[in-house]
Amino acid sequence: MTSMNKQAIVLKSDRAGRVQTPVGRLIAVVREYESSGLSGPRFAALTGINYQTFVTWRSKVSVKRSPFTRSLTGSVLC
């Protein structure tokens, strides 16, 4: 994990306190994981993301890459 961004990003949350993560950020985090060589639980812990949320993100990104599914748009609640 050599290129973690140090930019501050303000994320919106809904009334239940769930953070709305922009799709672009979600994809960037999954790509960073893929190039990190870390295990999923370790990467999630280091980035401060709940592991189950991270697994869901990975699943959504792999679905987006499939040529037979429509692409994700907007924000994802996690």
C-alpha atoms as a PDB file:
ATOM      1  CA  MET A   1       0.000   0.000   0.000  1.00  0.00           C
ATOM      2  CA  THR A   2       2.221   2.753  -1.254  1.00  0.00           C
ATOM      3  CA  SER A   3      -0.044   5.416  -2.728  1.00  0.00           C
ATOM      4  CA  MET A   4      -2.730   6.118  -0.125  1.00  0.00           C
ATOM      5  CA  ASN A   5      -4.198   9.551  -0.797  1.00  0.00           C
ATOM      6  CA  LYS A   6      -3.976  12.034   2.051  1.00  0.00           C
ATOM      7  CA  GLN A   7      -6.774  14.264   0.713  1.00  0.00           C
ATOM      8  CA  ALA A   8      -9.566  15.242   3.094  1.00  0.00           C
ATOM      9  CA  ILE A   9     -12.958  14.373   1.627  1.00  0.00           C
ATOM     10  CA  VAL A  10     -16.222  15.467   3.213  1.00  0.00           C
ATOM     11  CA  LEU A  11     -18.742  12.646   2.932  1.00  0.00           C
ATOM     12  CA  LYS A  12     -22.473  13.109   3.401  1.00  0.00           C
ATOM     13  CA  SER A  13     -24.498  10.865   5.672  1.00  0.00           C
ATOM     14  CA  ASP A  14     -28.185  10.040   5.862  1.00  0.00           C
ATOM     15  CA  ARG A  15     -30.454  10.338   8.910  1.00  0.00           C
ATOM     16  CA  ALA A  16     -29.491   6.850  10.091  1.00  0.00           C
ATOM     17  CA  GLY A  17     -25.815   7.888  10.114  1.00  0.00           C
ATOM     18  CA  ARG A  18     -24.800   5.818   7.098  1.00  0.00           C
ATOM     19  CA  VAL A  19     -22.095   7.448   5.008  1.00  0.00           C
ATOM     20  CA  GLN A  20     -22.871   8.038   1.335  1.00  0.00           C
ATOM     21  CA  THR A  21     -19.709   7.128  -0.544  1.00  0.00           C
ATOM     22  CA  PRO A  22     -19.367   8.409  -4.117  1.00  0.00           C
ATOM     23  CA  VAL A  23     -19.003   5.572  -6.634  1.00  0.00           C
ATOM     24  CA  GLY A  24     -15.695   6.967  -7.876  1.00  0.00           C
ATOM     25  CA  ARG A  25     -14.255   6.800  -4.357  1.00  0.00           C
ATOM     26  CA  LEU A  26     -15.600   3.278  -3.880  1.00  0.00           C
ATOM     27  CA  ILE A  27     -13.903   2.108  -7.089  1.00  0.00           C
ATOM     28  CA  ALA A  28     -10.646   3.875  -6.155  1.00  0.00           C
ATOM     29  CA  VAL A  29     -10.549   2.130  -2.761  1.00  0.00           C
ATOM     30  CA  VAL A  30     -11.120  -1.295  -4.340  1.00  0.00           C
ATOM     31  CA  ARG A  31      -8.404  -0.658  -6.935  1.00  0.00           C
ATOM     32  CA  GLU A  32      -6.022   0.438  -4.182  1.00  0.00           C
ATOM     33  CA  TYR A  33      -6.779  -2.815  -2.353  1.00  0.00           C
ATOM     34  CA  GLU A  34      -6.123  -4.889  -5.477  1.00  0.00           C
ATOM     35  CA  SER A  35      -2.681  -3.326  -5.887  1.00  0.00           C
ATOM     36  CA  SER A  36      -1.823  -3.428  -2.168  1.00  0.00           C
ATOM     37  CA  GLY A  37      -1.208  -7.156  -1.761  1.00  0.00           C
ATOM     38  CA  LEU A  38      -2.907  -7.078   1.656  1.00  0.00           C
ATOM     39  CA  SER A  39      -5.685  -9.364   2.805  1.00  0.00           C
ATOM     40  CA  GLY A  40      -9.200  -7.930   2.690  1.00  0.00           C
ATOM     41  CA  PRO A  41      -9.647  -7.722   6.478  1.00  0.00           C
ATOM     42  CA  ARG A  42      -6.223  -6.115   6.930  1.00  0.00           C
ATOM     43  CA  PHE A  43      -6.811  -3.529   4.192  1.00  0.00           C
ATOM     44  CA  ALA A  44     -10.269  -2.676   5.577  1.00  0.00           C
ATOM     45  CA  ALA A  45      -8.841  -2.220   9.068  1.00  0.00           C
ATOM     46  CA  LEU A  46      -6.030   0.020   7.824  1.00  0.00           C
ATOM     47  CA  THR A  47      -8.410   2.211   5.832  1.00  0.00           C
ATOM     48  CA  GLY A  48     -11.034   2.419   8.594  1.00  0.00           C
ATOM     49  CA  ILE A  49     -13.753   0.704   6.578  1.00  0.00           C
ATOM     50  CA  ASN A  50     -16.000  -1.917   8.139  1.00  0.00           C
ATOM     51  CA  TYR A  51     -14.940  -5.241   6.607  1.00  0.00           C
ATOM     52  CA  GLN A  52     -18.488  -6.226   5.569  1.00  0.00           C
ATOM     53  CA  THR A  53     -18.912  -2.847   3.872  1.00  0.00           C
ATOM     54  CA  PHE A  54     -15.629  -3.396   2.061  1.00  0.00           C
ATOM     55  CA  VAL A  55     -16.749  -6.858   0.870  1.00  0.00           C
ATOM     56  CA  THR A  56     -19.947  -5.297  -0.488  1.00  0.00           C
ATOM     57  CA  TRP A  57     -17.916  -2.644  -2.325  1.00  0.00           C
ATOM     58  CA  ARG A  58     -15.687  -5.317  -3.879  1.00  0.00           C
ATOM     59  CA  SER A  59     -18.768  -7.210  -5.016  1.00  0.00           C
ATOM     60  CA  LYS A  60     -20.318  -4.092  -6.569  1.00  0.00           C
ATOM     61  CA  VAL A  61     -17.098  -3.171  -8.369  1.00  0.00           C
ATOM     62  CA  SER A  62     -16.773  -6.693  -9.810  1.00  0.00           C
ATOM     63  CA  VAL A  63     -20.403  -6.504 -11.006  1.00  0.00           C
ATOM     64  CA  LYS A  64     -19.687  -3.135 -12.604  1.00  0.00           C
ATOM     65  CA  ARG A  65     -16.734  -4.595 -14.498  1.00  0.00           C
ATOM     66  CA  SER A  66     -18.921  -7.330 -15.974  1.00  0.00           C
ATOM     67  CA  PRO A  67     -19.886  -6.449 -19.584  1.00  0.00           C
ATOM     68  CA  PHE A  68     -23.365  -7.942 -19.123  1.00  0.00           C
ATOM     69  CA  THR A  69     -24.512  -5.716 -16.266  1.00  0.00           C
ATOM     70  CA  ARG A  70     -25.422  -2.071 -16.249  1.00  0.00           C
ATOM     71  CA  SER A  71     -23.024   0.322 -14.574  1.00  0.00           C
ATOM     72  CA  LEU A  72     -23.440   1.829 -11.140  1.00  0.00           C
ATOM     73  CA  THR A  73     -24.353   5.502 -10.911  1.00  0.00           C
ATOM     74  CA  GLY A  74     -24.830   7.977  -8.104  1.00  0.00           C
ATOM     75  CA  SER A  75     -23.906   7.220  -4.489  1.00  0.00           C
ATOM     76  CA  VAL A  76     -23.892   3.979  -2.582  1.00  0.00           C
ATOM     77  CA  LEU A  77     -25.113   3.798   1.006  1.00  0.00           C
ATOM     78  CA  CYS A  78     -22.786   1.834   3.240  1.00  0.00           C
END
